[in-house]
Amino acid sequence: MSEAWDDDELLSRLRAAMTAAEAVPREIVEAGRLTIELEITDSSLLGQVVPPGAGKVRTGLDVSTSWFTL
């Protein structure tokens, strides 16, 4: 932190951060608590979610960058 904040500025920034955090969809927060293990082979994409649980994974191939979006 390059500048010193007084209590009012710190409280204002904390309030703004908490408000921004509340705007994050619950599904995104929950997904952030999971680990996705992947194995990419020549012919398939294999994986699992840890800890085990129900969910949806949407994939797509962006051919311009060859990245998978999960």
C-alpha atoms as a PDB file:
ATOM      1  CA  MET A   1       0.000   0.000   0.000  1.00  0.00           C
ATOM      2  CA  SER A   2       1.707   3.174  -1.143  1.00  0.00           C
ATOM      3  CA  GLU A   3      -0.637   5.629   0.541  1.00  0.00           C
ATOM      4  CA  ALA A   4      -1.920   5.850   4.097  1.00  0.00           C
ATOM      5  CA  TRP A   5      -5.672   5.659   4.560  1.00  0.00           C
ATOM      6  CA  ASP A   6      -7.546   7.093   7.484  1.00  0.00           C
ATOM      7  CA  ASP A   7     -10.299   5.089   9.171  1.00  0.00           C
ATOM      8  CA  ASP A   8     -13.064   6.639   7.050  1.00  0.00           C
ATOM      9  CA  GLU A   9     -11.264   5.855   3.768  1.00  0.00           C
ATOM     10  CA  LEU A  10     -10.491   2.305   4.903  1.00  0.00           C
ATOM     11  CA  LEU A  11     -14.118   1.730   5.932  1.00  0.00           C
ATOM     12  CA  SER A  12     -15.361   3.160   2.630  1.00  0.00           C
ATOM     13  CA  ARG A  13     -13.084   0.865   0.609  1.00  0.00           C
ATOM     14  CA  LEU A  14     -14.037  -2.140   2.723  1.00  0.00           C
ATOM     15  CA  ARG A  15     -17.737  -1.372   2.202  1.00  0.00           C
ATOM     16  CA  ALA A  16     -17.167  -1.117  -1.578  1.00  0.00           C
ATOM     17  CA  ALA A  17     -15.313  -4.451  -1.600  1.00  0.00           C
ATOM     18  CA  MET A  18     -18.062  -6.187   0.378  1.00  0.00           C
ATOM     19  CA  THR A  19     -20.717  -4.800  -1.983  1.00  0.00           C
ATOM     20  CA  ALA A  20     -18.754  -6.033  -5.000  1.00  0.00           C
ATOM     21  CA  ALA A  21     -18.358  -9.476  -3.402  1.00  0.00           C
ATOM     22  CA  GLU A  22     -22.119  -9.744  -2.887  1.00  0.00           C
ATOM     23  CA  ALA A  23     -22.623  -9.245  -6.630  1.00  0.00           C
ATOM     24  CA  VAL A  24     -20.720 -12.461  -7.469  1.00  0.00           C
ATOM     25  CA  PRO A  25     -23.221 -15.252  -8.303  1.00  0.00           C
ATOM     26  CA  ARG A  26     -23.399 -18.043  -5.713  1.00  0.00           C
ATOM     27  CA  GLU A  27     -22.570 -20.635  -8.378  1.00  0.00           C
ATOM     28  CA  ILE A  28     -19.254 -18.917  -9.105  1.00  0.00           C
ATOM     29  CA  VAL A  29     -18.346 -18.819  -5.417  1.00  0.00           C
ATOM     30  CA  GLU A  30     -19.212 -22.499  -4.999  1.00  0.00           C
ATOM     31  CA  ALA A  31     -17.220 -23.462  -8.093  1.00  0.00           C
ATOM     32  CA  GLY A  32     -14.229 -21.655  -6.634  1.00  0.00           C
ATOM     33  CA  ARG A  33     -14.228 -24.145  -3.764  1.00  0.00           C
ATOM     34  CA  LEU A  34     -13.819 -27.132  -6.087  1.00  0.00           C
ATOM     35  CA  THR A  35     -10.804 -28.626  -7.767  1.00  0.00           C
ATOM     36  CA  ILE A  36     -11.185 -29.810 -11.334  1.00  0.00           C
ATOM     37  CA  GLU A  37      -8.682 -32.499 -12.284  1.00  0.00           C
ATOM     38  CA  LEU A  38      -8.188 -32.880 -16.031  1.00  0.00           C
ATOM     39  CA  GLU A  39      -6.266 -35.205 -18.294  1.00  0.00           C
ATOM     40  CA  ILE A  40      -6.020 -34.262 -21.948  1.00  0.00           C
ATOM     41  CA  THR A  41      -5.157 -37.043 -24.380  1.00  0.00           C
ATOM     42  CA  ASP A  42      -4.935 -37.120 -28.171  1.00  0.00           C
ATOM     43  CA  SER A  43      -8.568 -38.169 -28.438  1.00  0.00           C
ATOM     44  CA  SER A  44     -10.345 -37.113 -25.243  1.00  0.00           C
ATOM     45  CA  LEU A  45     -10.660 -34.854 -22.239  1.00  0.00           C
ATOM     46  CA  LEU A  46     -11.038 -36.767 -18.962  1.00  0.00           C
ATOM     47  CA  GLY A  47     -11.657 -35.262 -15.578  1.00  0.00           C
ATOM     48  CA  GLN A  48     -13.343 -35.188 -12.234  1.00  0.00           C
ATOM     49  CA  VAL A  49     -14.520 -32.632  -9.704  1.00  0.00           C
ATOM     50  CA  VAL A  50     -13.041 -32.845  -6.187  1.00  0.00           C
ATOM     51  CA  PRO A  51     -14.792 -33.146  -3.796  1.00  0.00           C
ATOM     52  CA  PRO A  52     -17.320 -35.259  -5.714  1.00  0.00           C
ATOM     53  CA  GLY A  53     -20.608 -33.530  -6.364  1.00  0.00           C
ATOM     54  CA  ALA A  54     -23.238 -32.803  -8.937  1.00  0.00           C
ATOM     55  CA  GLY A  55     -22.616 -29.995 -11.341  1.00  0.00           C
ATOM     56  CA  LYS A  56     -22.419 -28.838 -14.921  1.00  0.00           C
ATOM     57  CA  VAL A  57     -19.321 -28.235 -16.987  1.00  0.00           C
ATOM     58  CA  ARG A  58     -19.618 -26.349 -20.233  1.00  0.00           C
ATOM     59  CA  THR A  59     -16.719 -26.655 -22.612  1.00  0.00           C
ATOM     60  CA  GLY A  60     -15.894 -25.093 -25.901  1.00  0.00           C
ATOM     61  CA  LEU A  61     -12.839 -24.933 -28.086  1.00  0.00           C
ATOM     62  CA  ASP A  62     -11.648 -21.530 -29.192  1.00  0.00           C
ATOM     63  CA  VAL A  63      -9.837 -22.534 -32.363  1.00  0.00           C
ATOM     64  CA  SER A  64      -7.998 -19.232 -32.593  1.00  0.00           C
ATOM     65  CA  THR A  65      -6.108 -19.873 -29.333  1.00  0.00           C
ATOM     66  CA  SER A  66      -6.567 -23.623 -28.794  1.00  0.00           C
ATOM     67  CA  TRP A  67      -7.642 -23.032 -25.183  1.00  0.00           C
ATOM     68  CA  PHE A  68     -10.446 -24.965 -23.542  1.00  0.00           C
ATOM     69  CA  THR A  69     -12.970 -22.921 -21.622  1.00  0.00           C
ATOM     70  CA  LEU A  70     -14.360 -24.645 -18.541  1.00  0.00           C
END
